[in-house]
Every structure is written in structure tokens, then in C-alpha cells.
Amino acid sequence: MATLKEQVAERIATLGPTVQDGVVSVLVEQVKEKRIKAVLTALNLIEETQKELKKIKPEQTFDADNKVVSEFYTKPNMESRKKAQEKIASVEAALEAALGATPNFEKLFKVTQNAPAAE
């Protein structure tokens, strides 16, 4: 009959594959969580940028009857609109790359790096 110490030693010796499986599971879960947060942050970033874009209104000119004659964007407003549209396009492109057939999250991590984290 094996002593208690011998039984413990035998089980510890056979723990190698179990420990490896545990480590692999933890690492996979960490990468999965990082990617989920990046996707959620990107979706929030798109939503916030679209709200900012809607706030940029054109200047209007009116006729004597108070009807809008023309609408135009000032140069600063045009630049703000262009930046917002480019930001949305880059985040959407990064999302497509991350969620495509061959996932590539590098661009998504880059565009969401300075954005506030999704909760």
C-alpha cells in the first residue's frame, strides 16, 4: 500500500497536462476578454462620433419670409465634419477586419487605444 506522500507525489507528477490545459484556458480567456472590450469600445466610439457629427449644423441664410435660402458649412465646421467622418470610417474598417473571416484585431486595438473603455 502506497503511503500518503507517495500518492501525493504520483498525482503531482501527472499534473503536467492539467496545468498546461489550465494555463491555455486562462490565456485564451484573457485574449477573448481583450477582444470583446475592443469591439464594445469601437461600437461606443462610432456612436459617440455620430452624435458629434449630428451636432455640427450648417449655417443658414433666410429670405424676407423667414424661409431658408441656403445652407453652408463654415471652414471649421467642414473640417470637424471631415474628421468625424474619417474617424467613423477608420473604426468601421478596423471592426470589419477584426470580425471578418480571418480576424485581425491589430487595427481595432490601435483605433480604440485612446478611447474610453467600454463597460
PDB file of N, CA and C in Angstrom:
ATOM      1  N   MET A   1       0.846  -1.182   0.000  1.00  0.00           N
ATOM      2  CA  MET A   1       0.000   0.000   0.000  1.00  0.00           C
ATOM      3  C   MET A   1       0.891   1.245   0.000  1.00  0.00           C
ATOM      4  N   ALA A   2       0.601   2.164  -0.908  1.00  0.00           N
ATOM      5  CA  ALA A   2       1.388   3.383  -1.041  1.00  0.00           C
ATOM      6  C   ALA A   2       1.067   4.320   0.113  1.00  0.00           C
ATOM      7  N   THR A   3       2.080   4.987   0.565  1.00  0.00           N
ATOM      8  CA  THR A   3       1.859   5.935   1.646  1.00  0.00           C
ATOM      9  C   THR A   3       1.195   7.181   1.076  1.00  0.00           C
ATOM     10  N   LEU A   4       0.729   8.016   1.946  1.00  0.00           N
ATOM     11  CA  LEU A   4       0.049   9.251   1.555  1.00  0.00           C
ATOM     12  C   LEU A   4       1.004  10.150   0.751  1.00  0.00           C
ATOM     13  N   LYS A   5       2.259  10.228   1.192  1.00  0.00           N
ATOM     14  CA  LYS A   5       3.249  11.048   0.489  1.00  0.00           C
ATOM     15  C   LYS A   5       3.500  10.512  -0.915  1.00  0.00           C
ATOM     16  N   GLU A   6       3.534   9.207  -1.081  1.00  0.00           N
ATOM     17  CA  GLU A   6       3.756   8.606  -2.394  1.00  0.00           C
ATOM     18  C   GLU A   6       2.581   8.899  -3.326  1.00  0.00           C
ATOM     19  N   GLN A   7       1.367   8.823  -2.794  1.00  0.00           N
ATOM     20  CA  GLN A   7       0.174   9.116  -3.603  1.00  0.00           C
ATOM     21  C   GLN A   7       0.186  10.573  -4.061  1.00  0.00           C
ATOM     22  N   VAL A   8       0.525  11.458  -3.149  1.00  0.00           N
ATOM     23  CA  VAL A   8       0.595  12.882  -3.497  1.00  0.00           C
ATOM     24  C   VAL A   8       1.660  13.098  -4.572  1.00  0.00           C
ATOM     25  N   ALA A   9       2.806  12.487  -4.415  1.00  0.00           N
ATOM     26  CA  ALA A   9       3.894  12.625  -5.385  1.00  0.00           C
ATOM     27  C   ALA A   9       3.479  12.103  -6.756  1.00  0.00           C
ATOM     28  N   GLU A  10       2.767  10.968  -6.796  1.00  0.00           N
ATOM     29  CA  GLU A  10       2.290  10.409  -8.068  1.00  0.00           C
ATOM     30  C   GLU A  10       1.316  11.362  -8.763  1.00  0.00           C
ATOM     31  N   ARG A  11       0.404  11.912  -8.001  1.00  0.00           N
ATOM     32  CA  ARG A  11      -0.587  12.823  -8.600  1.00  0.00           C
ATOM     33  C   ARG A  11       0.067  14.114  -9.087  1.00  0.00           C
ATOM     34  N   ILE A  12       1.026  14.619  -8.317  1.00  0.00           N
ATOM     35  CA  ILE A  12       1.731  15.833  -8.732  1.00  0.00           C
ATOM     36  C   ILE A  12       2.494  15.572 -10.024  1.00  0.00           C
ATOM     37  N   ALA A  13       3.083  14.387 -10.145  1.00  0.00           N
ATOM     38  CA  ALA A  13       3.839  14.039 -11.352  1.00  0.00           C
ATOM     39  C   ALA A  13       2.942  14.001 -12.583  1.00  0.00           C
ATOM     40  N   THR A  14       1.679  13.668 -12.415  1.00  0.00           N
ATOM     41  CA  THR A  14       0.759  13.588 -13.552  1.00  0.00           C
ATOM     42  C   THR A  14       0.002  14.894 -13.790  1.00  0.00           C
ATOM     43  N   LEU A  15       0.324  15.945 -13.053  1.00  0.00           N
ATOM     44  CA  LEU A  15      -0.381  17.222 -13.194  1.00  0.00           C
ATOM     45  C   LEU A  15       0.050  18.030 -14.417  1.00  0.00           C
ATOM     46  N   GLY A  16       1.153  17.703 -15.039  1.00  0.00           N
ATOM     47  CA  GLY A  16       1.676  18.488 -16.160  1.00  0.00           C
ATOM     48  C   GLY A  16       0.633  18.856 -17.197  1.00  0.00           C
ATOM     49  N   PRO A  17      -0.039  17.886 -17.822  1.00  0.00           N
ATOM     50  CA  PRO A  17      -1.038  18.222 -18.846  1.00  0.00           C
ATOM     51  C   PRO A  17      -2.203  19.038 -18.289  1.00  0.00           C
ATOM     52  N   THR A  18      -2.604  18.762 -17.058  1.00  0.00           N
ATOM     53  CA  THR A  18      -3.711  19.503 -16.446  1.00  0.00           C
ATOM     54  C   THR A  18      -3.325  20.963 -16.243  1.00  0.00           C
ATOM     55  N   VAL A  19      -2.106  21.202 -15.782  1.00  0.00           N
ATOM     56  CA  VAL A  19      -1.629  22.567 -15.587  1.00  0.00           C
ATOM     57  C   VAL A  19      -1.543  23.283 -16.933  1.00  0.00           C
ATOM     58  N   GLN A  20      -1.023  22.601 -17.937  1.00  0.00           N
ATOM     59  CA  GLN A  20      -0.925  23.211 -19.266  1.00  0.00           C
ATOM     60  C   GLN A  20      -2.306  23.579 -19.792  1.00  0.00           C
ATOM     61  N   ASP A  21      -3.274  22.690 -19.640  1.00  0.00           N
ATOM     62  CA  ASP A  21      -4.640  22.983 -20.087  1.00  0.00           C
ATOM     63  C   ASP A  21      -5.205  24.189 -19.348  1.00  0.00           C
ATOM     64  N   GLY A  22      -4.940  24.257 -18.053  1.00  0.00           N
ATOM     65  CA  GLY A  22      -5.416  25.390 -17.255  1.00  0.00           C
ATOM     66  C   GLY A  22      -4.816  26.698 -17.711  1.00  0.00           C
ATOM     67  N   VAL A  23      -3.519  26.705 -17.969  1.00  0.00           N
ATOM     68  CA  VAL A  23      -2.839  27.916 -18.431  1.00  0.00           C
ATOM     69  C   VAL A  23      -3.376  28.327 -19.793  1.00  0.00           C
ATOM     70  N   VAL A  24      -3.533  27.381 -20.686  1.00  0.00           N
ATOM     71  CA  VAL A  24      -4.063  27.679 -22.025  1.00  0.00           C
ATOM     72  C   VAL A  24      -5.461  28.283 -21.901  1.00  0.00           C
ATOM     73  N   SER A  25      -6.295  27.702 -21.067  1.00  0.00           N
ATOM     74  CA  SER A  25      -7.656  28.212 -20.888  1.00  0.00           C
ATOM     75  C   SER A  25      -7.652  29.651 -20.375  1.00  0.00           C
ATOM     76  N   VAL A  26      -6.808  29.927 -19.396  1.00  0.00           N
ATOM     77  CA  VAL A  26      -6.736  31.277 -18.834  1.00  0.00           C
ATOM     78  C   VAL A  26      -6.247  32.275 -19.884  1.00  0.00           C
ATOM     79  N   LEU A  27      -5.218  31.919 -20.637  1.00  0.00           N
ATOM     80  CA  LEU A  27      -4.687  32.827 -21.654  1.00  0.00           C
ATOM     81  C   LEU A  27      -5.701  33.081 -22.764  1.00  0.00           C
ATOM     82  N   VAL A  28      -6.398  32.036 -23.184  1.00  0.00           N
ATOM     83  CA  VAL A  28      -7.430  32.194 -24.217  1.00  0.00           C
ATOM     84  C   VAL A  28      -8.539  33.113 -23.702  1.00  0.00           C
ATOM     85  N   GLU A  29      -8.932  32.945 -22.475  1.00  0.00           N
ATOM     86  CA  GLU A  29      -9.990  33.779 -21.880  1.00  0.00           C
ATOM     87  C   GLU A  29      -9.542  35.239 -21.807  1.00  0.00           C
ATOM     88  N   GLN A  30      -8.278  35.477 -21.465  1.00  0.00           N
ATOM     89  CA  GLN A  30      -7.768  36.847 -21.402  1.00  0.00           C
ATOM     90  C   GLN A  30      -7.801  37.514 -22.775  1.00  0.00           C
ATOM     91  N   VAL A  31      -7.391  36.797 -23.801  1.00  0.00           N
ATOM     92  CA  VAL A  31      -7.409  37.353 -25.158  1.00  0.00           C
ATOM     93  C   VAL A  31      -8.847  37.612 -25.596  1.00  0.00           C
ATOM     94  N   LYS A  32      -9.740  36.683 -25.272  1.00  0.00           N
ATOM     95  CA  LYS A  32     -11.151  36.836 -25.626  1.00  0.00           C
ATOM     96  C   LYS A  32     -11.730  38.092 -24.971  1.00  0.00           C
ATOM     97  N   GLU A  33     -11.457  38.294 -23.689  1.00  0.00           N
ATOM     98  CA  GLU A  33     -11.964  39.477 -22.977  1.00  0.00           C
ATOM     99  C   GLU A  33     -11.399  40.767 -23.569  1.00  0.00           C
ATOM    100  N   LYS A  34     -10.116  40.752 -23.912  1.00  0.00           N
ATOM    101  CA  LYS A  34      -9.489  41.935 -24.512  1.00  0.00           C
ATOM    102  C   LYS A  34     -10.159  42.280 -25.838  1.00  0.00           C
ATOM    103  N   ARG A  35     -10.437  41.258 -26.632  1.00  0.00           N
ATOM    104  CA  ARG A  35     -11.069  41.489 -27.935  1.00  0.00           C
ATOM    105  C   ARG A  35     -12.514  41.963 -27.771  1.00  0.00           C
ATOM    106  N   ILE A  36     -13.229  41.395 -26.831  1.00  0.00           N
ATOM    107  CA  ILE A  36     -14.613  41.826 -26.580  1.00  0.00           C
ATOM    108  C   ILE A  36     -14.635  43.290 -26.175  1.00  0.00           C
ATOM    109  N   LYS A  37     -13.747  43.674 -25.261  1.00  0.00           N
ATOM    110  CA  LYS A  37     -13.693  45.078 -24.822  1.00  0.00           C
ATOM    111  C   LYS A  37     -13.355  45.996 -25.990  1.00  0.00           C
ATOM    112  N   ALA A  38     -12.451  45.571 -26.863  1.00  0.00           N
ATOM    113  CA  ALA A  38     -12.075  46.394 -28.017  1.00  0.00           C
ATOM    114  C   ALA A  38     -13.263  46.595 -28.954  1.00  0.00           C
ATOM    115  N   VAL A  39     -14.025  45.531 -29.195  1.00  0.00           N
ATOM    116  CA  VAL A  39     -15.206  45.641 -30.073  1.00  0.00           C
ATOM    117  C   VAL A  39     -16.247  46.570 -29.447  1.00  0.00           C
ATOM    118  N   LEU A  40     -16.517  46.398 -28.162  1.00  0.00           N
ATOM    119  CA  LEU A  40     -17.502  47.252 -27.493  1.00  0.00           C
ATOM    120  C   LEU A  40     -17.041  48.711 -27.469  1.00  0.00           C
ATOM    121  N   THR A  41     -15.764  48.929 -27.223  1.00  0.00           N
ATOM    122  CA  THR A  41     -15.226  50.288 -27.231  1.00  0.00           C
ATOM    123  C   THR A  41     -15.364  50.909 -28.619  1.00  0.00           C
ATOM    124  N   ALA A  42     -15.100  50.131 -29.656  1.00  0.00           N
ATOM    125  CA  ALA A  42     -15.227  50.637 -31.028  1.00  0.00           C
ATOM    126  C   ALA A  42     -16.677  51.006 -31.339  1.00  0.00           C
ATOM    127  N   LEU A  43     -17.612  50.166 -30.924  1.00  0.00           N
ATOM    128  CA  LEU A  43     -19.028  50.472 -31.163  1.00  0.00           C
ATOM    129  C   LEU A  43     -19.442  51.747 -30.431  1.00  0.00           C
ATOM    130  N   ASN A  44     -18.975  51.920 -29.203  1.00  0.00           N
ATOM    131  CA  ASN A  44     -19.268  53.146 -28.450  1.00  0.00           C
ATOM    132  C   ASN A  44     -18.630  54.351 -29.121  1.00  0.00           C
ATOM    133  N   LEU A  45     -17.420  54.180 -29.621  1.00  0.00           N
ATOM    134  CA  LEU A  45     -16.713  55.267 -30.296  1.00  0.00           C
ATOM    135  C   LEU A  45     -17.463  55.710 -31.545  1.00  0.00           C
ATOM    136  N   ILE A  46     -17.963  54.766 -32.307  1.00  0.00           N
ATOM    137  CA  ILE A  46     -18.744  55.104 -33.503  1.00  0.00           C
ATOM    138  C   ILE A  46     -20.001  55.873 -33.100  1.00  0.00           C
ATOM    139  N   GLU A  47     -20.683  55.384 -32.089  1.00  0.00           N
ATOM    140  CA  GLU A  47     -21.924  56.030 -31.637  1.00  0.00           C
ATOM    141  C   GLU A  47     -21.663  57.462 -31.159  1.00  0.00           C
ATOM    142  N   GLU A  48     -20.617  57.645 -30.369  1.00  0.00           N
ATOM    143  CA  GLU A  48     -20.288  58.983 -29.868  1.00  0.00           C
ATOM    144  C   GLU A  48     -19.897  59.922 -31.006  1.00  0.00           C
ATOM    145  N   THR A  49     -19.152  59.418 -31.955  1.00  0.00           N
ATOM    146  CA  THR A  49     -18.713  60.251 -33.074  1.00  0.00           C
ATOM    147  C   THR A  49     -19.902  60.621 -33.958  1.00  0.00           C
ATOM    148  N   GLN A  50     -20.844  59.706 -34.123  1.00  0.00           N
ATOM    149  CA  GLN A  50     -22.047  60.021 -34.897  1.00  0.00           C
ATOM    150  C   GLN A  50     -22.869  61.104 -34.196  1.00  0.00           C
ATOM    151  N   LYS A  51     -22.911  61.073 -32.883  1.00  0.00           N
ATOM    152  CA  LYS A  51     -23.612  62.126 -32.131  1.00  0.00           C
ATOM    153  C   LYS A  51     -22.922  63.468 -32.329  1.00  0.00           C
ATOM    154  N   GLU A  52     -21.580  63.456 -32.272  1.00  0.00           N
ATOM    155  CA  GLU A  52     -20.823  64.691 -32.512  1.00  0.00           C
ATOM    156  C   GLU A  52     -21.093  65.224 -33.914  1.00  0.00           C
ATOM    157  N   LEU A  53     -21.167  64.332 -34.872  1.00  0.00           N
ATOM    158  CA  LEU A  53     -21.403  64.709 -36.261  1.00  0.00           C
ATOM    159  C   LEU A  53     -22.770  65.379 -36.422  1.00  0.00           C
ATOM    160  N   LYS A  54     -23.765  64.853 -35.717  1.00  0.00           N
ATOM    161  CA  LYS A  54     -25.113  65.442 -35.805  1.00  0.00           C
ATOM    162  C   LYS A  54     -25.168  66.827 -35.180  1.00  0.00           C
ATOM    163  N   LYS A  55     -24.273  67.110 -34.251  1.00  0.00           N
ATOM    164  CA  LYS A  55     -24.260  68.421 -33.597  1.00  0.00           C
ATOM    165  C   LYS A  55     -23.702  69.517 -34.507  1.00  0.00           C
ATOM    166  N   ILE A  56     -22.963  69.118 -35.518  1.00  0.00           N
ATOM    167  CA  ILE A  56     -22.367  70.103 -36.435  1.00  0.00           C
ATOM    168  C   ILE A  56     -23.431  70.484 -37.459  1.00  0.00           C
ATOM    169  N   LYS A  57     -24.000  71.649 -37.272  1.00  0.00           N
ATOM    170  CA  LYS A  57     -25.101  72.116 -38.126  1.00  0.00           C
ATOM    171  C   LYS A  57     -24.594  73.137 -39.140  1.00  0.00           C
ATOM    172  N   PRO A  58     -25.231  73.165 -40.298  1.00  0.00           N
ATOM    173  CA  PRO A  58     -24.831  74.172 -41.294  1.00  0.00           C
ATOM    174  C   PRO A  58     -25.354  75.560 -40.908  1.00  0.00           C
ATOM    175  N   GLU A  59     -24.654  76.561 -41.394  1.00  0.00           N
ATOM    176  CA  GLU A  59     -25.125  77.937 -41.242  1.00  0.00           C
ATOM    177  C   GLU A  59     -26.254  78.134 -42.254  1.00  0.00           C
ATOM    178  N   GLN A  60     -27.212  78.968 -41.898  1.00  0.00           N
ATOM    179  CA  GLN A  60     -28.354  79.174 -42.792  1.00  0.00           C
ATOM    180  C   GLN A  60     -28.541  80.652 -43.086  1.00  0.00           C
ATOM    181  N   THR A  61     -29.024  80.929 -44.303  1.00  0.00           N
ATOM    182  CA  THR A  61     -29.432  82.291 -44.657  1.00  0.00           C
ATOM    183  C   THR A  61     -30.922  82.244 -44.966  1.00  0.00           C
ATOM    184  N   PHE A  62     -31.596  83.310 -44.595  1.00  0.00           N
ATOM    185  CA  PHE A  62     -33.055  83.362 -44.739  1.00  0.00           C
ATOM    186  C   PHE A  62     -33.458  84.529 -45.629  1.00  0.00           C
ATOM    187  N   ASP A  63     -34.633  84.382 -46.266  1.00  0.00           N
ATOM    188  CA  ASP A  63     -35.172  85.489 -47.051  1.00  0.00           C
ATOM    189  C   ASP A  63     -36.127  86.301 -46.176  1.00  0.00           C
ATOM    190  N   ALA A  64     -36.824  87.232 -46.779  1.00  0.00           N
ATOM    191  CA  ALA A  64     -37.714  88.120 -46.035  1.00  0.00           C
ATOM    192  C   ALA A  64     -38.875  87.366 -45.394  1.00  0.00           C
ATOM    193  N   ASP A  65     -39.274  86.224 -45.958  1.00  0.00           N
ATOM    194  CA  ASP A  65     -40.385  85.439 -45.412  1.00  0.00           C
ATOM    195  C   ASP A  65     -39.916  84.423 -44.372  1.00  0.00           C
ATOM    196  N   ASN A  66     -38.679  84.543 -43.961  1.00  0.00           N
ATOM    197  CA  ASN A  66     -38.105  83.633 -42.961  1.00  0.00           C
ATOM    198  C   ASN A  66     -37.977  82.199 -43.458  1.00  0.00           C
ATOM    199  N   LYS A  67     -37.822  82.040 -44.753  1.00  0.00           N
ATOM    200  CA  LYS A  67     -37.579  80.719 -45.324  1.00  0.00           C
ATOM    201  C   LYS A  67     -36.090  80.570 -45.586  1.00  0.00           C
ATOM    202  N   VAL A  68     -35.610  79.365 -45.424  1.00  0.00           N
ATOM    203  CA  VAL A  68     -34.192  79.112 -45.634  1.00  0.00           C
ATOM    204  C   VAL A  68     -33.866  79.251 -47.119  1.00  0.00           C
ATOM    205  N   VAL A  69     -32.910  80.127 -47.409  1.00  0.00           N
ATOM    206  CA  VAL A  69     -32.485  80.348 -48.784  1.00  0.00           C
ATOM    207  C   VAL A  69     -31.314  79.427 -49.106  1.00  0.00           C
ATOM    208  N   SER A  70     -30.373  79.342 -48.174  1.00  0.00           N
ATOM    209  CA  SER A  70     -29.220  78.485 -48.418  1.00  0.00           C
ATOM    210  C   SER A  70     -28.651  77.980 -47.090  1.00  0.00           C
ATOM    211  N   GLU A  71     -27.932  76.882 -47.209  1.00  0.00           N
ATOM    212  CA  GLU A  71     -27.235  76.312 -46.056  1.00  0.00           C
ATOM    213  C   GLU A  71     -25.797  76.054 -46.479  1.00  0.00           C
ATOM    214  N   PHE A  72     -24.886  76.342 -45.572  1.00  0.00           N
ATOM    215  CA  PHE A  72     -23.480  76.099 -45.869  1.00  0.00           C
ATOM    216  C   PHE A  72     -22.746  75.844 -44.565  1.00  0.00           C
ATOM    217  N   TYR A  73     -21.633  75.144 -44.697  1.00  0.00           N
ATOM    218  CA  TYR A  73     -20.784  74.872 -43.544  1.00  0.00           C
ATOM    219  C   TYR A  73     -19.599  75.820 -43.570  1.00  0.00           C
ATOM    220  N   THR A  74     -19.252  76.360 -42.415  1.00  0.00           N
ATOM    221  CA  THR A  74     -18.056  77.179 -42.320  1.00  0.00           C
ATOM    222  C   THR A  74     -16.846  76.264 -42.428  1.00  0.00           C
ATOM    223  N   LYS A  75     -15.685  76.842 -42.680  1.00  0.00           N
ATOM    224  CA  LYS A  75     -14.479  76.031 -42.843  1.00  0.00           C
ATOM    225  C   LYS A  75     -14.196  75.189 -41.583  1.00  0.00           C
ATOM    226  N   PRO A  76     -14.268  75.767 -40.366  1.00  0.00           N
ATOM    227  CA  PRO A  76     -14.040  74.931 -39.167  1.00  0.00           C
ATOM    228  C   PRO A  76     -15.075  73.801 -39.037  1.00  0.00           C
ATOM    229  N   ASN A  77     -16.316  74.092 -39.382  1.00  0.00           N
ATOM    230  CA  ASN A  77     -17.349  73.052 -39.317  1.00  0.00           C
ATOM    231  C   ASN A  77     -17.094  71.952 -40.344  1.00  0.00           C
ATOM    232  N   MET A  78     -16.660  72.346 -41.551  1.00  0.00           N
ATOM    233  CA  MET A  78     -16.351  71.352 -42.585  1.00  0.00           C
ATOM    234  C   MET A  78     -15.198  70.453 -42.135  1.00  0.00           C
ATOM    235  N   GLU A  79     -14.189  71.065 -41.519  1.00  0.00           N
ATOM    236  CA  GLU A  79     -13.052  70.288 -41.041  1.00  0.00           C
ATOM    237  C   GLU A  79     -13.477  69.331 -39.925  1.00  0.00           C
ATOM    238  N   SER A  80     -14.334  69.811 -39.033  1.00  0.00           N
ATOM    239  CA  SER A  80     -14.832  68.954 -37.943  1.00  0.00           C
ATOM    240  C   SER A  80     -15.648  67.792 -38.496  1.00  0.00           C
ATOM    241  N   ARG A  81     -16.495  68.086 -39.484  1.00  0.00           N
ATOM    242  CA  ARG A  81     -17.297  67.024 -40.108  1.00  0.00           C
ATOM    243  C   ARG A  81     -16.396  65.999 -40.788  1.00  0.00           C
ATOM    244  N   LYS A  82     -15.395  66.487 -41.509  1.00  0.00           N
ATOM    245  CA  LYS A  82     -14.493  65.592 -42.226  1.00  0.00           C
ATOM    246  C   LYS A  82     -13.745  64.688 -41.250  1.00  0.00           C
ATOM    247  N   LYS A  83     -13.236  65.261 -40.149  1.00  0.00           N
ATOM    248  CA  LYS A  83     -12.516  64.473 -39.146  1.00  0.00           C
ATOM    249  C   LYS A  83     -13.433  63.412 -38.544  1.00  0.00           C
ATOM    250  N   ALA A  84     -14.657  63.798 -38.221  1.00  0.00           N
ATOM    251  CA  ALA A  84     -15.602  62.852 -37.619  1.00  0.00           C
ATOM    252  C   ALA A  84     -15.929  61.721 -38.598  1.00  0.00           C
ATOM    253  N   GLN A  85     -16.161  62.070 -39.864  1.00  0.00           N
ATOM    254  CA  GLN A  85     -16.469  61.054 -40.866  1.00  0.00           C
ATOM    255  C   GLN A  85     -15.287  60.108 -41.083  1.00  0.00           C
ATOM    256  N   GLU A  86     -14.075  60.662 -41.097  1.00  0.00           N
ATOM    257  CA  GLU A  86     -12.876  59.824 -41.254  1.00  0.00           C
ATOM    258  C   GLU A  86     -12.689  58.901 -40.051  1.00  0.00           C
ATOM    259  N   LYS A  87     -12.979  59.424 -38.870  1.00  0.00           N
ATOM    260  CA  LYS A  87     -12.861  58.627 -37.650  1.00  0.00           C
ATOM    261  C   LYS A  87     -13.841  57.454 -37.683  1.00  0.00           C
ATOM    262  N   ILE A  88     -15.071  57.729 -38.060  1.00  0.00           N
ATOM    263  CA  ILE A  88     -16.085  56.667 -38.163  1.00  0.00           C
ATOM    264  C   ILE A  88     -15.649  55.627 -39.190  1.00  0.00           C
ATOM    265  N   ALA A  89     -15.168  56.091 -40.333  1.00  0.00           N
ATOM    266  CA  ALA A  89     -14.743  55.166 -41.390  1.00  0.00           C
ATOM    267  C   ALA A  89     -13.581  54.286 -40.929  1.00  0.00           C
ATOM    268  N   SER A  90     -12.617  54.871 -40.222  1.00  0.00           N
ATOM    269  CA  SER A  90     -11.467  54.072 -39.782  1.00  0.00           C
ATOM    270  C   SER A  90     -11.862  53.055 -38.720  1.00  0.00           C
ATOM    271  N   VAL A  91     -12.756  53.435 -37.813  1.00  0.00           N
ATOM    272  CA  VAL A  91     -13.202  52.494 -36.782  1.00  0.00           C
ATOM    273  C   VAL A  91     -14.029  51.376 -37.415  1.00  0.00           C
ATOM    274  N   GLU A  92     -14.894  51.733 -38.357  1.00  0.00           N
ATOM    275  CA  GLU A  92     -15.696  50.708 -39.039  1.00  0.00           C
ATOM    276  C   GLU A  92     -14.807  49.751 -39.832  1.00  0.00           C
ATOM    277  N   ALA A  93     -13.779  50.270 -40.490  1.00  0.00           N
ATOM    278  CA  ALA A  93     -12.851  49.411 -41.237  1.00  0.00           C
ATOM    279  C   ALA A  93     -12.102  48.471 -40.293  1.00  0.00           C
ATOM    280  N   ALA A  94     -11.691  48.991 -39.144  1.00  0.00           N
ATOM    281  CA  ALA A  94     -10.990  48.154 -38.161  1.00  0.00           C
ATOM    282  C   ALA A  94     -11.922  47.075 -37.608  1.00  0.00           C
ATOM    283  N   LEU A  95     -13.186  47.439 -37.395  1.00  0.00           N
ATOM    284  CA  LEU A  95     -14.169  46.455 -36.930  1.00  0.00           C
ATOM    285  C   LEU A  95     -14.378  45.360 -37.965  1.00  0.00           C
ATOM    286  N   GLU A  96     -14.479  45.749 -39.229  1.00  0.00           N
ATOM    287  CA  GLU A  96     -14.652  44.756 -40.298  1.00  0.00           C
ATOM    288  C   GLU A  96     -13.469  43.803 -40.356  1.00  0.00           C
ATOM    289  N   ALA A  97     -12.266  44.346 -40.202  1.00  0.00           N
ATOM    290  CA  ALA A  97     -11.069  43.495 -40.222  1.00  0.00           C
ATOM    291  C   ALA A  97     -11.058  42.547 -39.027  1.00  0.00           C
ATOM    292  N   ALA A  98     -11.500  43.036 -37.876  1.00  0.00           N
ATOM    293  CA  ALA A  98     -11.484  42.214 -36.659  1.00  0.00           C
ATOM    294  C   ALA A  98     -12.559  41.135 -36.687  1.00  0.00           C
ATOM    295  N   LEU A  99     -13.679  41.434 -37.287  1.00  0.00           N
ATOM    296  CA  LEU A  99     -14.802  40.492 -37.263  1.00  0.00           C
ATOM    297  C   LEU A  99     -14.960  39.730 -38.575  1.00  0.00           C
ATOM    298  N   GLY A 100     -13.977  39.840 -39.462  1.00  0.00           N
ATOM    299  CA  GLY A 100     -14.042  39.173 -40.761  1.00  0.00           C
ATOM    300  C   GLY A 100     -13.723  37.690 -40.671  1.00  0.00           C
ATOM    301  N   ALA A 101     -13.611  37.074 -41.830  1.00  0.00           N
ATOM    302  CA  ALA A 101     -13.351  35.632 -41.909  1.00  0.00           C
ATOM    303  C   ALA A 101     -12.008  35.267 -41.288  1.00  0.00           C
ATOM    304  N   THR A 102     -11.005  36.117 -41.492  1.00  0.00           N
ATOM    305  CA  THR A 102      -9.703  35.910 -40.836  1.00  0.00           C
ATOM    306  C   THR A 102      -9.471  37.096 -39.908  1.00  0.00           C
ATOM    307  N   PRO A 103      -9.873  36.977 -38.654  1.00  0.00           N
ATOM    308  CA  PRO A 103      -9.832  38.114 -37.721  1.00  0.00           C
ATOM    309  C   PRO A 103      -8.439  38.700 -37.539  1.00  0.00           C
ATOM    310  N   ASN A 104      -8.374  40.026 -37.651  1.00  0.00           N
ATOM    311  CA  ASN A 104      -7.151  40.766 -37.390  1.00  0.00           C
ATOM    312  C   ASN A 104      -7.528  41.937 -36.483  1.00  0.00           C
ATOM    313  N   PHE A 105      -7.158  41.845 -35.228  1.00  0.00           N
ATOM    314  CA  PHE A 105      -7.570  42.839 -34.237  1.00  0.00           C
ATOM    315  C   PHE A 105      -6.570  43.970 -34.058  1.00  0.00           C
ATOM    316  N   GLU A 106      -5.436  43.938 -34.753  1.00  0.00           N
ATOM    317  CA  GLU A 106      -4.395  44.946 -34.543  1.00  0.00           C
ATOM    318  C   GLU A 106      -4.903  46.366 -34.815  1.00  0.00           C
ATOM    319  N   LYS A 107      -5.584  46.565 -35.944  1.00  0.00           N
ATOM    320  CA  LYS A 107      -6.105  47.901 -36.265  1.00  0.00           C
ATOM    321  C   LYS A 107      -7.148  48.332 -35.240  1.00  0.00           C
ATOM    322  N   LEU A 108      -7.969  47.382 -34.799  1.00  0.00           N
ATOM    323  CA  LEU A 108      -9.008  47.700 -33.822  1.00  0.00           C
ATOM    324  C   LEU A 108      -8.376  48.119 -32.500  1.00  0.00           C
ATOM    325  N   PHE A 109      -7.346  47.409 -32.071  1.00  0.00           N
ATOM    326  CA  PHE A 109      -6.665  47.792 -30.838  1.00  0.00           C
ATOM    327  C   PHE A 109      -6.062  49.180 -30.971  1.00  0.00           C
ATOM    328  N   LYS A 110      -5.542  49.481 -32.164  1.00  0.00           N
ATOM    329  CA  LYS A 110      -4.903  50.779 -32.392  1.00  0.00           C
ATOM    330  C   LYS A 110      -5.924  51.920 -32.337  1.00  0.00           C
ATOM    331  N   VAL A 111      -7.076  51.760 -33.006  1.00  0.00           N
ATOM    332  CA  VAL A 111      -8.055  52.857 -33.042  1.00  0.00           C
ATOM    333  C   VAL A 111      -8.794  53.026 -31.717  1.00  0.00           C
ATOM    334  N   THR A 112      -8.851  51.970 -30.913  1.00  0.00           N
ATOM    335  CA  THR A 112      -9.556  52.073 -29.626  1.00  0.00           C
ATOM    336  C   THR A 112      -8.589  52.326 -28.470  1.00  0.00           C
ATOM    337  N   GLN A 113      -7.320  52.441 -28.752  1.00  0.00           N
ATOM    338  CA  GLN A 113      -6.308  52.562 -27.711  1.00  0.00           C
ATOM    339  C   GLN A 113      -6.540  53.767 -26.795  1.00  0.00           C
ATOM    340  N   ASN A 114      -6.854  54.924 -27.341  1.00  0.00           N
ATOM    341  CA  ASN A 114      -7.011  56.130 -26.534  1.00  0.00           C
ATOM    342  C   ASN A 114      -8.462  56.442 -26.203  1.00  0.00           C
ATOM    343  N   ALA A 115      -9.364  55.601 -26.664  1.00  0.00           N
ATOM    344  CA  ALA A 115     -10.779  55.825 -26.388  1.00  0.00           C
ATOM    345  C   ALA A 115     -11.103  55.350 -24.974  1.00  0.00           C
ATOM    346  N   PRO A 116     -12.148  55.935 -24.357  1.00  0.00           N
ATOM    347  CA  PRO A 116     -12.555  55.449 -23.039  1.00  0.00           C
ATOM    348  C   PRO A 116     -13.035  54.009 -23.147  1.00  0.00           C
ATOM    349  N   ALA A 117     -12.674  53.201 -22.200  1.00  0.00           N
ATOM    350  CA  ALA A 117     -13.017  51.769 -22.228  1.00  0.00           C
ATOM    351  C   ALA A 117     -14.511  51.550 -22.085  1.00  0.00           C
ATOM    352  N   ALA A 118     -15.007  50.532 -22.765  1.00  0.00           N
ATOM    353  CA  ALA A 118     -16.419  50.171 -22.665  1.00  0.00           C
ATOM    354  C   ALA A 118     -16.633  49.415 -21.368  1.00  0.00           C
ATOM    355  N   GLU A 119     -17.755  49.677 -20.765  1.00  0.00           N
ATOM    356  CA  GLU A 119     -18.090  48.999 -19.502  1.00  0.00           C
ATOM    357  C   GLU A 119     -19.130  47.940 -19.741  1.00  0.00           C
TER     358      GLU A 119
END
